[in-house]
């Protein structure tokens, strides 16, 4: 009720629609940026379909950074290659270790 009233008075989309994840697209090209929550990672090598599926299921999406004004924590360029080269079983463990290190430094 309050949300509806706020939207009538202030206009715009409801809050839960503003920050919704964009639908996943096709595999991004080299040089594109992918984001998840507050992290951004540059695509530094070709993306396999299996790796892109893992990224999408993990919540990563390609975004155009030129139009994006949000603040992100940049992940080192080498991280994308490391994640792309490990097996699918080891990828989740590697990402959690990377996340822990980045969380301590930010």
Protein backbone atom coordinates (compact mmCIF):
# COMPACT_ATOMS: atom_id res chain seq x y z
CA UNK A 1 0.00 0.00 0.00
CA UNK A 2 2.76 2.43 0.96
CA UNK A 3 4.77 1.47 -2.11
CA UNK A 4 1.80 2.20 -4.35
CA UNK A 5 1.20 5.54 -2.68
CA UNK A 6 4.89 6.45 -2.96
CA UNK A 7 4.84 5.60 -6.68
CA UNK A 8 1.73 7.70 -7.25
CA UNK A 9 3.26 10.68 -5.46
CA UNK A 10 6.85 10.38 -6.62
CA UNK A 11 6.37 8.58 -9.93
CA UNK A 12 8.77 6.13 -11.52
CA UNK A 13 9.03 2.41 -11.40
CA UNK A 14 8.43 0.48 -8.20
CA UNK A 15 11.66 0.00 -6.25
CA UNK A 16 11.77 -3.78 -6.83
CA UNK A 17 11.72 -3.21 -10.61
CA UNK A 18 14.51 -0.62 -10.67
CA UNK A 19 17.37 -2.92 -9.68
CA UNK A 20 16.24 -6.12 -11.35
CA UNK A 21 18.94 -8.11 -13.16
CA UNK A 22 18.83 -7.63 -16.92
CA UNK A 23 18.05 -10.78 -18.87
CA UNK A 24 21.13 -12.76 -19.88
CA UNK A 25 22.31 -12.20 -23.41
CA UNK A 26 24.68 -14.09 -25.65
CA UNK A 27 28.33 -14.63 -24.75
CA UNK A 28 30.13 -11.28 -24.43
CA UNK A 29 33.02 -10.30 -26.67
CA UNK A 30 36.55 -9.66 -25.49
CA UNK A 31 36.75 -6.21 -23.90
CA UNK A 32 33.17 -6.25 -22.57
CA UNK A 33 32.41 -5.85 -18.87
CA UNK A 34 30.38 -8.23 -16.75
CA UNK A 35 29.00 -7.30 -13.34
CA UNK A 36 27.66 -9.09 -10.30
CA UNK A 37 26.34 -7.06 -7.38
CA UNK A 38 29.16 -4.55 -6.70
CA UNK A 39 31.88 -6.29 -8.74
CA UNK A 40 32.91 -5.66 -12.32
CA UNK A 41 35.21 -7.89 -14.36
CA UNK A 42 36.63 -7.28 -17.84
CA UNK A 43 36.33 -10.10 -20.41
CA UNK A 44 39.94 -10.77 -21.41
CA UNK A 45 39.58 -13.92 -23.50
CA UNK A 46 36.93 -15.79 -25.51
CA UNK A 47 34.05 -17.10 -23.39
CA UNK A 48 32.97 -20.71 -23.79
CA UNK A 49 29.26 -21.53 -23.63
CA UNK A 50 29.83 -23.58 -20.46
CA UNK A 51 31.66 -20.74 -18.72
CA UNK A 52 29.02 -18.18 -19.77
CA UNK A 53 26.30 -20.48 -18.40
CA UNK A 54 28.14 -20.60 -15.07
CA UNK A 55 28.52 -16.82 -15.02
CA UNK A 56 24.81 -16.27 -15.79
CA UNK A 57 23.67 -18.79 -13.19
CA UNK A 58 25.98 -17.09 -10.67
CA UNK A 59 24.33 -13.73 -11.32
CA UNK A 60 26.84 -12.12 -13.70
CA UNK A 61 25.49 -9.97 -16.55
CA UNK A 62 27.10 -8.01 -19.35
CA UNK A 63 26.65 -4.25 -19.01
CA UNK A 64 27.66 -1.27 -21.08
CA UNK A 65 29.89 0.75 -18.79
CA UNK A 66 29.60 3.96 -20.84
CA UNK A 67 26.00 4.46 -19.70
CA UNK A 68 26.42 2.98 -16.23
CA UNK A 69 27.00 5.39 -13.34
CA UNK A 70 27.06 2.85 -10.53
CA UNK A 71 30.20 2.35 -8.45
CA UNK A 72 31.84 -1.07 -8.74
CA UNK A 73 34.81 -2.85 -7.25
CA UNK A 74 37.12 -3.74 -10.15
CA UNK A 75 38.35 -7.30 -10.18
CA UNK A 76 41.92 -7.70 -11.53
CA UNK A 77 42.09 -8.53 -15.25
CA UNK A 78 43.83 -11.85 -14.56
CA UNK A 79 40.81 -13.12 -12.59
CA UNK A 80 38.67 -13.67 -15.67
CA UNK A 81 41.28 -15.88 -17.31
CA UNK A 82 41.80 -17.88 -14.14
CA UNK A 83 38.07 -18.50 -13.77
CA UNK A 84 37.72 -19.41 -17.46
CA UNK A 85 40.55 -21.96 -17.37
CA UNK A 86 39.65 -23.97 -14.27
CA UNK A 87 37.24 -26.87 -14.34
CA UNK A 88 33.61 -26.25 -13.50
CA UNK A 89 34.01 -28.04 -10.15
CA UNK A 90 36.95 -25.86 -9.08
CA UNK A 91 35.45 -22.60 -10.34
CA UNK A 92 33.12 -22.01 -7.39
CA UNK A 93 35.95 -22.61 -4.90
CA UNK A 94 38.27 -20.26 -6.80
CA UNK A 95 35.60 -17.53 -6.94
CA UNK A 96 34.90 -17.80 -3.20
CA UNK A 97 38.64 -17.46 -2.47
CA UNK A 98 38.88 -14.43 -4.77
CA UNK A 99 35.80 -12.91 -3.15
CA UNK A 100 37.26 -13.37 0.34
CA UNK A 101 40.52 -11.66 -0.66
CA UNK A 102 38.69 -8.73 -2.32
CA UNK A 103 36.36 -8.31 0.65
CA UNK A 104 39.35 -7.99 3.01
CA UNK A 105 41.03 -5.33 0.82
CA UNK A 106 37.96 -3.17 0.19
